[in-house]
Amino acid sequence: MGEKELKGKNIFQILTILYLIIQHIGIYNPKLIV
């Protein structure tokens, strides 16, 4: 059970980080986001 919880948290953290990176890219390079 512990491993599954850690994996879920890791995936959530990765998705959150990717979302923030995409937001920054969109803010600085609006042309990249259609």
N, C-alpha and C. Protein backbone atom coordinates (compact mmCIF):
# COMPACT_ATOMS: atom_id res chain seq x y z
N MET A 1 0.84 -1.21 0.00
CA MET A 1 0.00 0.00 0.00
C MET A 1 0.87 1.25 0.00
N GLY A 2 1.96 1.22 0.76
CA GLY A 2 2.82 2.40 0.83
C GLY A 2 3.41 2.74 -0.52
N GLU A 3 3.84 1.70 -1.27
CA GLU A 3 4.46 1.97 -2.57
C GLU A 3 3.47 2.61 -3.53
N LYS A 4 2.23 2.12 -3.52
CA LYS A 4 1.23 2.69 -4.43
C LYS A 4 0.97 4.15 -4.08
N GLU A 5 0.92 4.47 -2.80
CA GLU A 5 0.67 5.85 -2.39
C GLU A 5 1.83 6.74 -2.85
N LEU A 6 3.06 6.24 -2.70
CA LEU A 6 4.22 7.03 -3.12
C LEU A 6 4.19 7.25 -4.62
N LYS A 7 3.86 6.20 -5.38
CA LYS A 7 3.81 6.34 -6.83
C LYS A 7 2.75 7.35 -7.22
N GLY A 8 1.59 7.30 -6.58
CA GLY A 8 0.53 8.25 -6.90
C GLY A 8 0.98 9.68 -6.62
N LYS A 9 1.66 9.88 -5.49
CA LYS A 9 2.12 11.23 -5.15
C LYS A 9 3.18 11.68 -6.14
N ASN A 10 4.09 10.76 -6.52
CA ASN A 10 5.14 11.13 -7.47
C ASN A 10 4.54 11.53 -8.80
N ILE A 11 3.56 10.77 -9.28
CA ILE A 11 2.92 11.09 -10.56
C ILE A 11 2.24 12.45 -10.46
N PHE A 12 1.56 12.70 -9.35
CA PHE A 12 0.86 13.98 -9.17
C PHE A 12 1.87 15.12 -9.17
N GLN A 13 3.01 14.92 -8.49
CA GLN A 13 4.04 15.97 -8.46
C GLN A 13 4.59 16.22 -9.85
N ILE A 14 4.85 15.14 -10.62
CA ILE A 14 5.38 15.29 -11.98
C ILE A 14 4.39 16.05 -12.85
N LEU A 15 3.10 15.70 -12.76
CA LEU A 15 2.09 16.37 -13.57
C LEU A 15 2.01 17.84 -13.18
N THR A 16 2.09 18.13 -11.89
CA THR A 16 2.03 19.52 -11.43
C THR A 16 3.23 20.31 -11.96
N ILE A 17 4.42 19.71 -11.89
CA ILE A 17 5.62 20.39 -12.38
C ILE A 17 5.52 20.63 -13.88
N LEU A 18 5.06 19.61 -14.64
CA LEU A 18 4.90 19.77 -16.08
C LEU A 18 3.91 20.88 -16.38
N TYR A 19 2.81 20.93 -15.62
CA TYR A 19 1.79 21.97 -15.83
C TYR A 19 2.39 23.35 -15.60
N LEU A 20 3.19 23.50 -14.54
CA LEU A 20 3.81 24.80 -14.26
C LEU A 20 4.80 25.17 -15.36
N ILE A 21 5.57 24.18 -15.85
CA ILE A 21 6.53 24.45 -16.92
C ILE A 21 5.79 24.89 -18.17
N ILE A 22 4.69 24.20 -18.51
CA ILE A 22 3.91 24.55 -19.70
C ILE A 22 3.34 25.96 -19.53
N GLN A 23 2.89 26.30 -18.32
CA GLN A 23 2.37 27.64 -18.08
C GLN A 23 3.46 28.68 -18.34
N HIS A 24 4.68 28.44 -17.83
CA HIS A 24 5.77 29.39 -18.02
C HIS A 24 6.10 29.52 -19.50
N ILE A 25 6.13 28.39 -20.23
CA ILE A 25 6.42 28.42 -21.67
C ILE A 25 5.33 29.23 -22.38
N GLY A 26 4.08 29.03 -21.98
CA GLY A 26 2.98 29.75 -22.61
C GLY A 26 3.06 31.24 -22.33
N ILE A 27 3.51 31.60 -21.12
CA ILE A 27 3.60 33.02 -20.77
C ILE A 27 4.73 33.68 -21.57
N TYR A 28 5.86 33.00 -21.69
CA TYR A 28 7.01 33.61 -22.36
C TYR A 28 6.97 33.40 -23.88
N ASN A 29 6.33 32.32 -24.33
CA ASN A 29 6.25 32.03 -25.77
C ASN A 29 4.82 31.71 -26.16
N PRO A 30 3.95 32.71 -26.24
CA PRO A 30 2.53 32.47 -26.52
C PRO A 30 2.31 31.78 -27.86
N LYS A 31 3.25 31.93 -28.80
CA LYS A 31 3.07 31.34 -30.13
C LYS A 31 3.10 29.81 -30.08
N LEU A 32 3.75 29.23 -29.07
CA LEU A 32 3.86 27.77 -29.00
C LEU A 32 2.52 27.13 -28.70
N ILE A 33 1.65 27.83 -27.95
CA ILE A 33 0.34 27.26 -27.61
C ILE A 33 -0.68 27.75 -28.61
N VAL A 34 -1.29 26.80 -29.30
CA VAL A 34 -2.27 27.15 -30.35
C VAL A 34 -3.61 27.45 -29.70
